[in-house]
């Protein structure tokens, strides 16, 4: 799934607004169990942290799906998923 340019623009605006360096990234969920994300064609399999509601929720709108884009914060080798990005229109 290709990253929507509007998502990239939103993230860049977010970085400028908060004066954040390059620690925020857009990743794609490529596996749910175990959770894996893809960043620039590199699959990350370890040190991924996310709110359990995104994985265990019975509500389909809350739960991760393969191909979902997420905003993640990278701290050294760890990735903290901040939010799932959902296309509205």
N, C-alpha and C. Protein backbone atom coordinates (compact mmCIF):
# COMPACT_ATOMS: atom_id res chain seq x y z
N UNK A 1 0.85 -1.18 0.00
CA UNK A 1 0.00 0.00 0.00
C UNK A 1 0.89 1.24 0.00
N UNK A 2 0.72 2.08 -0.98
CA UNK A 2 1.54 3.28 -1.10
C UNK A 2 1.07 4.31 -0.08
N UNK A 3 2.01 5.10 0.41
CA UNK A 3 1.69 6.14 1.38
C UNK A 3 1.03 7.31 0.66
N UNK A 4 -0.09 7.74 1.14
CA UNK A 4 -0.83 8.86 0.58
C UNK A 4 -0.02 10.14 0.82
N UNK A 5 0.13 10.98 -0.24
CA UNK A 5 0.92 12.21 -0.09
C UNK A 5 0.30 13.15 0.93
N UNK A 6 -1.01 13.11 1.12
CA UNK A 6 -1.66 13.96 2.12
C UNK A 6 -1.20 13.58 3.53
N UNK A 7 -0.96 12.28 3.75
CA UNK A 7 -0.47 11.83 5.06
C UNK A 7 0.92 12.39 5.30
N UNK A 8 1.76 12.33 4.29
CA UNK A 8 3.13 12.86 4.42
C UNK A 8 3.08 14.35 4.69
N UNK A 9 2.22 15.07 3.98
CA UNK A 9 2.09 16.52 4.20
C UNK A 9 1.61 16.81 5.62
N UNK A 10 0.67 16.01 6.12
CA UNK A 10 0.16 16.19 7.48
C UNK A 10 1.28 15.99 8.50
N UNK A 11 2.09 14.94 8.30
CA UNK A 11 3.17 14.66 9.23
C UNK A 11 4.21 15.77 9.20
N UNK A 12 4.54 16.27 8.02
CA UNK A 12 5.51 17.36 7.92
C UNK A 12 4.99 18.62 8.62
N UNK A 13 3.71 18.91 8.45
CA UNK A 13 3.12 20.06 9.14
C UNK A 13 3.15 19.86 10.65
N UNK A 14 2.89 18.65 11.10
CA UNK A 14 2.94 18.28 12.51
C UNK A 14 4.34 18.50 13.07
N UNK A 15 5.36 18.08 12.32
CA UNK A 15 6.75 18.27 12.76
C UNK A 15 7.09 19.74 12.89
N UNK A 16 6.68 20.54 11.90
CA UNK A 16 6.98 21.97 11.94
C UNK A 16 6.27 22.65 13.10
N UNK A 17 5.01 22.28 13.31
CA UNK A 17 4.22 22.86 14.38
C UNK A 17 4.86 22.63 15.74
N UNK A 18 5.38 21.44 15.95
CA UNK A 18 5.95 21.10 17.25
C UNK A 18 7.47 21.21 17.29
N UNK A 19 8.06 21.69 16.20
CA UNK A 19 9.53 21.81 16.09
C UNK A 19 10.22 20.49 16.41
N UNK A 20 9.71 19.44 15.82
CA UNK A 20 10.23 18.10 16.07
C UNK A 20 11.19 17.72 14.97
N UNK A 21 12.22 17.02 15.36
CA UNK A 21 13.19 16.53 14.37
C UNK A 21 12.60 15.32 13.67
N UNK A 22 13.42 14.48 13.13
CA UNK A 22 12.97 13.37 12.29
C UNK A 22 12.61 12.11 13.06
N UNK A 23 12.27 12.21 14.32
CA UNK A 23 11.97 11.01 15.11
C UNK A 23 10.57 10.46 14.85
N UNK A 24 9.69 11.25 14.25
CA UNK A 24 8.36 10.75 13.91
C UNK A 24 8.39 10.23 12.49
N UNK A 25 7.85 9.03 12.30
CA UNK A 25 7.86 8.41 10.98
C UNK A 25 6.48 7.85 10.66
N UNK A 26 6.27 7.60 9.39
CA UNK A 26 5.07 6.90 8.94
C UNK A 26 5.49 5.47 8.64
N UNK A 27 4.77 4.52 9.21
CA UNK A 27 5.07 3.11 8.99
C UNK A 27 3.80 2.41 8.53
N UNK A 28 3.97 1.23 7.97
CA UNK A 28 2.84 0.42 7.52
C UNK A 28 2.80 -0.86 8.33
N UNK A 29 1.63 -1.22 8.84
CA UNK A 29 1.46 -2.47 9.57
C UNK A 29 1.52 -3.61 8.55
N UNK A 30 2.48 -4.53 8.73
CA UNK A 30 2.59 -5.64 7.78
C UNK A 30 2.28 -6.99 8.42
N UNK A 31 2.09 -7.02 9.75
CA UNK A 31 1.69 -8.24 10.45
C UNK A 31 1.05 -7.82 11.77
N UNK A 32 0.04 -8.59 12.18
CA UNK A 32 -0.67 -8.28 13.42
C UNK A 32 -0.17 -9.15 14.58
N UNK A 33 0.00 -10.42 14.34
CA UNK A 33 0.40 -11.34 15.40
C UNK A 33 1.51 -12.26 14.90
N UNK A 34 2.74 -11.91 15.16
CA UNK A 34 3.22 -10.79 15.99
C UNK A 34 3.17 -9.47 15.21
N UNK A 35 3.10 -8.37 15.96
CA UNK A 35 3.05 -7.05 15.35
C UNK A 35 4.37 -6.73 14.66
N UNK A 36 4.28 -6.37 13.38
CA UNK A 36 5.45 -5.95 12.60
C UNK A 36 5.04 -4.73 11.79
N UNK A 37 5.99 -3.81 11.63
CA UNK A 37 5.75 -2.63 10.81
C UNK A 37 6.83 -2.52 9.76
N UNK A 38 6.50 -1.83 8.67
CA UNK A 38 7.46 -1.63 7.59
C UNK A 38 7.75 -0.14 7.47
N UNK A 39 9.05 0.19 7.47
CA UNK A 39 9.50 1.57 7.32
C UNK A 39 10.50 1.59 6.16
N UNK A 40 10.15 2.31 5.11
CA UNK A 40 11.04 2.39 3.93
C UNK A 40 11.50 1.01 3.47
N UNK A 41 10.59 0.08 3.30
CA UNK A 41 10.86 -1.29 2.84
C UNK A 41 11.66 -2.14 3.83
N UNK A 42 11.88 -1.64 5.03
CA UNK A 42 12.56 -2.41 6.08
C UNK A 42 11.51 -2.88 7.08
N UNK A 43 11.41 -4.19 7.29
CA UNK A 43 10.43 -4.74 8.22
C UNK A 43 11.01 -4.74 9.63
N UNK A 44 10.30 -4.09 10.54
CA UNK A 44 10.70 -4.01 11.95
C UNK A 44 9.90 -5.08 12.70
N UNK A 45 10.60 -5.94 13.41
CA UNK A 45 9.95 -7.06 14.09
C UNK A 45 10.08 -7.02 15.61
N UNK A 46 10.94 -6.15 16.13
CA UNK A 46 11.18 -6.11 17.57
C UNK A 46 11.12 -4.66 18.05
N UNK A 47 10.97 -4.52 19.36
CA UNK A 47 10.99 -3.20 20.01
C UNK A 47 9.89 -2.29 19.47
N UNK A 48 8.71 -2.87 19.24
CA UNK A 48 7.55 -2.10 18.79
C UNK A 48 6.57 -2.03 19.96
N UNK A 49 6.14 -0.82 20.27
CA UNK A 49 5.23 -0.61 21.39
C UNK A 49 3.98 0.09 20.89
N UNK A 50 2.81 -0.44 21.29
CA UNK A 50 1.54 0.16 20.87
C UNK A 50 0.52 -0.04 21.98
N UNK A 51 -0.47 0.83 22.00
CA UNK A 51 -1.58 0.69 22.94
C UNK A 51 -2.28 -0.63 22.63
N UNK A 52 -2.49 -1.49 23.64
CA UNK A 52 -3.12 -2.78 23.41
C UNK A 52 -4.51 -2.70 22.75
N UNK A 53 -5.18 -1.57 22.87
CA UNK A 53 -6.52 -1.46 22.26
C UNK A 53 -6.43 -1.62 20.75
N UNK A 54 -5.29 -1.22 20.14
CA UNK A 54 -5.14 -1.35 18.69
C UNK A 54 -5.01 -2.80 18.25
N UNK A 55 -4.66 -3.68 19.16
CA UNK A 55 -4.43 -5.08 18.82
C UNK A 55 -5.56 -5.96 19.34
N UNK A 56 -6.08 -5.66 20.53
CA UNK A 56 -7.04 -6.54 21.19
C UNK A 56 -8.49 -6.08 21.11
N UNK A 57 -8.75 -4.92 20.57
CA UNK A 57 -10.10 -4.38 20.56
C UNK A 57 -11.06 -5.25 19.76
N UNK A 58 -12.29 -5.32 20.23
CA UNK A 58 -13.33 -6.03 19.48
C UNK A 58 -14.01 -5.09 18.49
N UNK A 59 -13.66 -3.82 18.55
CA UNK A 59 -14.21 -2.83 17.62
C UNK A 59 -13.34 -2.74 16.38
N UNK A 60 -13.86 -3.07 15.20
CA UNK A 60 -13.03 -3.09 14.00
C UNK A 60 -12.41 -1.74 13.65
N UNK A 61 -13.07 -0.64 14.03
CA UNK A 61 -12.52 0.68 13.73
C UNK A 61 -11.29 1.00 14.58
N UNK A 62 -11.12 0.32 15.69
CA UNK A 62 -9.98 0.57 16.58
C UNK A 62 -8.81 -0.36 16.29
N UNK A 63 -9.09 -1.51 15.75
CA UNK A 63 -8.09 -2.56 15.62
C UNK A 63 -7.20 -2.36 14.39
N UNK A 64 -5.90 -2.66 14.54
CA UNK A 64 -4.99 -2.62 13.40
C UNK A 64 -5.39 -3.63 12.35
N UNK A 65 -5.16 -3.28 11.10
CA UNK A 65 -5.31 -4.20 9.98
C UNK A 65 -4.01 -4.15 9.18
N UNK A 66 -3.69 -5.25 8.52
CA UNK A 66 -2.52 -5.25 7.66
C UNK A 66 -2.73 -4.19 6.58
N UNK A 67 -1.71 -3.38 6.36
CA UNK A 67 -1.79 -2.30 5.38
C UNK A 67 -2.10 -0.95 5.99
N UNK A 68 -2.50 -0.91 7.27
CA UNK A 68 -2.75 0.38 7.93
C UNK A 68 -1.47 1.19 8.01
N UNK A 69 -1.60 2.49 7.85
CA UNK A 69 -0.49 3.39 8.10
C UNK A 69 -0.59 3.90 9.53
N UNK A 70 0.55 4.06 10.17
CA UNK A 70 0.59 4.56 11.54
C UNK A 70 1.68 5.62 11.67
N UNK A 71 1.51 6.51 12.63
CA UNK A 71 2.57 7.45 13.00
C UNK A 71 3.28 6.82 14.18
N UNK A 72 4.60 6.71 14.07
CA UNK A 72 5.39 6.12 15.14
C UNK A 72 6.53 7.06 15.52
N UNK A 73 6.90 7.00 16.76
CA UNK A 73 8.05 7.75 17.27
C UNK A 73 9.20 6.77 17.42
N UNK A 74 10.34 7.10 16.80
CA UNK A 74 11.51 6.23 16.91
C UNK A 74 12.47 6.81 17.93
N UNK A 75 12.79 5.99 18.91
CA UNK A 75 13.76 6.35 19.94
C UNK A 75 14.82 5.27 19.96
N UNK A 76 15.96 5.55 19.36
CA UNK A 76 17.05 4.59 19.21
C UNK A 76 16.53 3.41 18.40
N UNK A 77 16.44 2.20 18.97
CA UNK A 77 15.96 1.04 18.22
C UNK A 77 14.49 0.74 18.50
N UNK A 78 13.84 1.54 19.33
CA UNK A 78 12.45 1.30 19.70
C UNK A 78 11.51 2.16 18.88
N UNK A 79 10.32 1.59 18.59
CA UNK A 79 9.30 2.29 17.83
C UNK A 79 8.02 2.31 18.66
N UNK A 80 7.52 3.50 18.94
CA UNK A 80 6.31 3.68 19.73
C UNK A 80 5.20 4.17 18.80
N UNK A 81 4.20 3.33 18.60
CA UNK A 81 3.11 3.71 17.70
C UNK A 81 2.21 4.69 18.42
N UNK A 82 2.11 5.87 17.83
CA UNK A 82 1.35 6.97 18.45
C UNK A 82 -0.12 6.90 18.02
N UNK A 83 -0.35 6.72 16.74
CA UNK A 83 -1.72 6.77 16.23
C UNK A 83 -1.82 6.04 14.91
N UNK A 84 -2.98 5.49 14.69
CA UNK A 84 -3.30 4.86 13.40
C UNK A 84 -3.83 5.97 12.50
N UNK A 85 -3.42 5.95 11.25
CA UNK A 85 -3.88 6.95 10.28
C UNK A 85 -5.00 6.33 9.46
N UNK A 86 -6.14 6.98 9.47
CA UNK A 86 -7.28 6.45 8.74
C UNK A 86 -7.73 7.46 7.71
N UNK A 87 -7.82 7.02 6.45
CA UNK A 87 -8.26 7.89 5.38
C UNK A 87 -9.75 8.15 5.55
N UNK A 88 -10.14 9.42 5.52
CA UNK A 88 -11.52 9.80 5.74
C UNK A 88 -12.28 9.89 4.41
N UNK A 89 -11.68 10.50 3.41
CA UNK A 89 -12.35 10.62 2.10
C UNK A 89 -11.43 10.19 0.99
